[in-house]
Amino acid sequence: MLKPVDPGPPEERPIGELVHELIEEGKAYARAEFGLLKALATAKAKALVIPAALFGIAFVLALAGVTSLAVGVVMALAKFIGPLAAGIVGLVIFAAIAGGLAWYGVKRLRRDL
């Protein structure tokens, strides 16, 4: 039986050609990775559009609820202390609540970080 002919050692290519090929393959890999990251980010952004819109609508409705509560408090107090004083008392009440929530938020942020 005949043995296959040994082609011998592979042809050696110049170092510059090998480096150029390595750089081109690295660029192609970087482009592919960037494309993958871009596709993942786009998919995640599309998935978040509807929940973000729902949270926005919920925030607006919650703001309307707090506004009606504030108006109700001022109207209830206006019967007893007059409209201007009731407005000032309502401002103080809701400013105190907002300040307390902000203070607690800063405290938690400092504790968690």
C-alpha atoms as a PDB file:
ATOM      1  CA  MET A   1       0.000   0.000   0.000  1.00  0.00           C
ATOM      2  CA  LEU A   2       1.120   3.507  -0.746  1.00  0.00           C
ATOM      3  CA  LYS A   3       1.603   6.026   2.022  1.00  0.00           C
ATOM      4  CA  PRO A   4       0.195   9.527   1.581  1.00  0.00           C
ATOM      5  CA  VAL A   5       2.752  12.066   0.643  1.00  0.00           C
ATOM      6  CA  ASP A   6       3.840  14.229   3.551  1.00  0.00           C
ATOM      7  CA  PRO A   7       3.357  17.840   2.465  1.00  0.00           C
ATOM      8  CA  GLY A   8       6.229  18.906   4.702  1.00  0.00           C
ATOM      9  CA  PRO A   9       6.270  21.831   7.063  1.00  0.00           C
ATOM     10  CA  PRO A  10       3.598  24.457   6.423  1.00  0.00           C
ATOM     11  CA  GLU A  11       4.742  27.578   4.683  1.00  0.00           C
ATOM     12  CA  GLU A  12       5.764  30.215   7.114  1.00  0.00           C
ATOM     13  CA  ARG A  13       4.037  33.517   6.669  1.00  0.00           C
ATOM     14  CA  PRO A  14       5.666  36.817   7.508  1.00  0.00           C
ATOM     15  CA  ILE A  15       5.074  38.215  11.000  1.00  0.00           C
ATOM     16  CA  GLY A  16       3.495  41.407   9.588  1.00  0.00           C
ATOM     17  CA  GLU A  17       0.862  39.375   7.767  1.00  0.00           C
ATOM     18  CA  LEU A  18       0.070  37.365  10.912  1.00  0.00           C
ATOM     19  CA  VAL A  19      -0.202  40.527  13.024  1.00  0.00           C
ATOM     20  CA  HIS A  20      -2.455  42.139  10.402  1.00  0.00           C
ATOM     21  CA  GLU A  21      -4.700  39.060  10.356  1.00  0.00           C
ATOM     22  CA  LEU A  22      -4.819  39.037  14.151  1.00  0.00           C
ATOM     23  CA  ILE A  23      -5.805  42.717  14.233  1.00  0.00           C
ATOM     24  CA  GLU A  24      -8.533  42.199  11.616  1.00  0.00           C
ATOM     25  CA  GLU A  25      -9.947  39.233  13.530  1.00  0.00           C
ATOM     26  CA  GLY A  26      -9.872  41.289  16.738  1.00  0.00           C
ATOM     27  CA  LYS A  27     -11.757  44.114  15.026  1.00  0.00           C
ATOM     28  CA  ALA A  28     -14.341  41.663  13.681  1.00  0.00           C
ATOM     29  CA  TYR A  29     -14.751  40.165  17.166  1.00  0.00           C
ATOM     30  CA  ALA A  30     -15.166  43.626  18.731  1.00  0.00           C
ATOM     31  CA  ARG A  31     -17.791  44.567  16.117  1.00  0.00           C
ATOM     32  CA  ALA A  32     -19.662  41.322  16.776  1.00  0.00           C
ATOM     33  CA  GLU A  33     -19.596  41.903  20.550  1.00  0.00           C
ATOM     34  CA  PHE A  34     -20.774  45.497  20.093  1.00  0.00           C
ATOM     35  CA  GLY A  35     -23.585  44.297  17.834  1.00  0.00           C
ATOM     36  CA  LEU A  36     -24.620  41.741  20.433  1.00  0.00           C
ATOM     37  CA  LEU A  37     -24.630  44.322  23.225  1.00  0.00           C
ATOM     38  CA  LYS A  38     -26.585  46.736  21.048  1.00  0.00           C
ATOM     39  CA  ALA A  39     -29.175  44.046  20.267  1.00  0.00           C
ATOM     40  CA  LEU A  40     -29.497  43.126  23.961  1.00  0.00           C
ATOM     41  CA  ALA A  41     -29.892  46.776  24.985  1.00  0.00           C
ATOM     42  CA  THR A  42     -32.515  47.358  22.293  1.00  0.00           C
ATOM     43  CA  ALA A  43     -34.471  44.279  23.348  1.00  0.00           C
ATOM     44  CA  LYS A  44     -34.394  45.308  27.009  1.00  0.00           C
ATOM     45  CA  ALA A  45     -35.407  48.882  26.164  1.00  0.00           C
ATOM     46  CA  LYS A  46     -38.354  47.649  24.109  1.00  0.00           C
ATOM     47  CA  ALA A  47     -39.379  45.383  26.977  1.00  0.00           C
ATOM     48  CA  LEU A  48     -39.354  48.331  29.403  1.00  0.00           C
ATOM     49  CA  VAL A  49     -41.445  50.749  27.335  1.00  0.00           C
ATOM     50  CA  ILE A  50     -44.887  49.549  28.464  1.00  0.00           C
ATOM     51  CA  PRO A  51     -43.989  49.127  32.167  1.00  0.00           C
ATOM     52  CA  ALA A  52     -42.385  52.596  32.179  1.00  0.00           C
ATOM     53  CA  ALA A  53     -45.512  54.102  30.625  1.00  0.00           C
ATOM     54  CA  LEU A  54     -47.689  52.342  33.205  1.00  0.00           C
ATOM     55  CA  PHE A  55     -45.517  53.631  36.054  1.00  0.00           C
ATOM     56  CA  GLY A  56     -45.730  57.138  34.597  1.00  0.00           C
ATOM     57  CA  ILE A  57     -49.519  56.982  34.444  1.00  0.00           C
ATOM     58  CA  ALA A  58     -49.637  55.571  37.981  1.00  0.00           C
ATOM     59  CA  PHE A  59     -47.451  58.450  39.189  1.00  0.00           C
ATOM     60  CA  VAL A  60     -49.718  61.045  37.591  1.00  0.00           C
ATOM     61  CA  LEU A  61     -52.788  59.421  39.152  1.00  0.00           C
ATOM     62  CA  ALA A  62     -51.094  59.255  42.565  1.00  0.00           C
ATOM     63  CA  LEU A  63     -50.187  62.925  42.230  1.00  0.00           C
ATOM     64  CA  ALA A  64     -53.832  63.713  41.431  1.00  0.00           C
ATOM     65  CA  GLY A  65     -54.890  61.754  44.521  1.00  0.00           C
ATOM     66  CA  VAL A  66     -52.490  63.648  46.773  1.00  0.00           C
ATOM     67  CA  THR A  67     -53.640  66.938  45.271  1.00  0.00           C
ATOM     68  CA  SER A  68     -57.292  66.109  45.956  1.00  0.00           C
ATOM     69  CA  LEU A  69     -56.378  65.120  49.498  1.00  0.00           C
ATOM     70  CA  ALA A  70     -54.602  68.435  49.989  1.00  0.00           C
ATOM     71  CA  VAL A  71     -57.570  70.358  48.584  1.00  0.00           C
ATOM     72  CA  GLY A  72     -59.913  68.390  50.841  1.00  0.00           C
ATOM     73  CA  VAL A  73     -57.797  69.150  53.908  1.00  0.00           C
ATOM     74  CA  VAL A  74     -57.695  72.859  53.075  1.00  0.00           C
ATOM     75  CA  MET A  75     -61.452  72.969  52.395  1.00  0.00           C
ATOM     76  CA  ALA A  76     -62.193  71.189  55.689  1.00  0.00           C
ATOM     77  CA  LEU A  77     -59.933  73.551  57.626  1.00  0.00           C
ATOM     78  CA  ALA A  78     -61.334  76.614  55.826  1.00  0.00           C
ATOM     79  CA  LYS A  79     -64.659  76.178  57.660  1.00  0.00           C
ATOM     80  CA  PHE A  80     -62.894  76.584  60.996  1.00  0.00           C
ATOM     81  CA  ILE A  81     -59.973  78.969  60.459  1.00  0.00           C
ATOM     82  CA  GLY A  82     -60.618  80.721  57.149  1.00  0.00           C
ATOM     83  CA  PRO A  83     -59.338  80.004  53.645  1.00  0.00           C
ATOM     84  CA  LEU A  84     -55.940  81.715  53.884  1.00  0.00           C
ATOM     85  CA  ALA A  85     -55.013  80.147  57.216  1.00  0.00           C
ATOM     86  CA  ALA A  86     -56.294  76.787  55.995  1.00  0.00           C
ATOM     87  CA  GLY A  87     -54.040  77.046  52.930  1.00  0.00           C
ATOM     88  CA  ILE A  88     -51.052  77.836  55.129  1.00  0.00           C
ATOM     89  CA  VAL A  89     -51.822  74.991  57.540  1.00  0.00           C
ATOM     90  CA  GLY A  90     -52.277  72.597  54.601  1.00  0.00           C
ATOM     91  CA  LEU A  91     -48.930  73.745  53.208  1.00  0.00           C
ATOM     92  CA  VAL A  92     -47.232  73.146  56.562  1.00  0.00           C
ATOM     93  CA  ILE A  93     -48.798  69.682  56.917  1.00  0.00           C
ATOM     94  CA  PHE A  94     -47.793  68.459  53.472  1.00  0.00           C
ATOM     95  CA  ALA A  95     -44.373  70.154  53.603  1.00  0.00           C
ATOM     96  CA  ALA A  96     -43.716  68.370  56.903  1.00  0.00           C
ATOM     97  CA  ILE A  97     -44.697  65.030  55.365  1.00  0.00           C
ATOM     98  CA  ALA A  98     -42.470  65.683  52.325  1.00  0.00           C
ATOM     99  CA  GLY A  99     -39.583  66.786  54.542  1.00  0.00           C
ATOM    100  CA  GLY A 100     -39.921  63.699  56.718  1.00  0.00           C
ATOM    101  CA  LEU A 101     -39.905  61.417  53.699  1.00  0.00           C
ATOM    102  CA  ALA A 102     -36.872  63.216  52.234  1.00  0.00           C
ATOM    103  CA  TRP A 103     -35.027  63.011  55.557  1.00  0.00           C
ATOM    104  CA  TYR A 104     -35.761  59.289  55.828  1.00  0.00           C
ATOM    105  CA  GLY A 105     -34.636  58.755  52.229  1.00  0.00           C
ATOM    106  CA  VAL A 106     -31.312  60.521  52.842  1.00  0.00           C
ATOM    107  CA  LYS A 107     -30.823  58.547  56.051  1.00  0.00           C
ATOM    108  CA  ARG A 108     -31.426  55.242  54.239  1.00  0.00           C
ATOM    109  CA  LEU A 109     -29.146  56.275  51.379  1.00  0.00           C
ATOM    110  CA  ARG A 110     -26.288  57.065  53.744  1.00  0.00           C
ATOM    111  CA  ARG A 111     -26.841  53.814  55.645  1.00  0.00           C
ATOM    112  CA  ASP A 112     -26.967  51.641  52.522  1.00  0.00           C
ATOM    113  CA  LEU A 113     -23.941  53.202  50.875  1.00  0.00           C
END
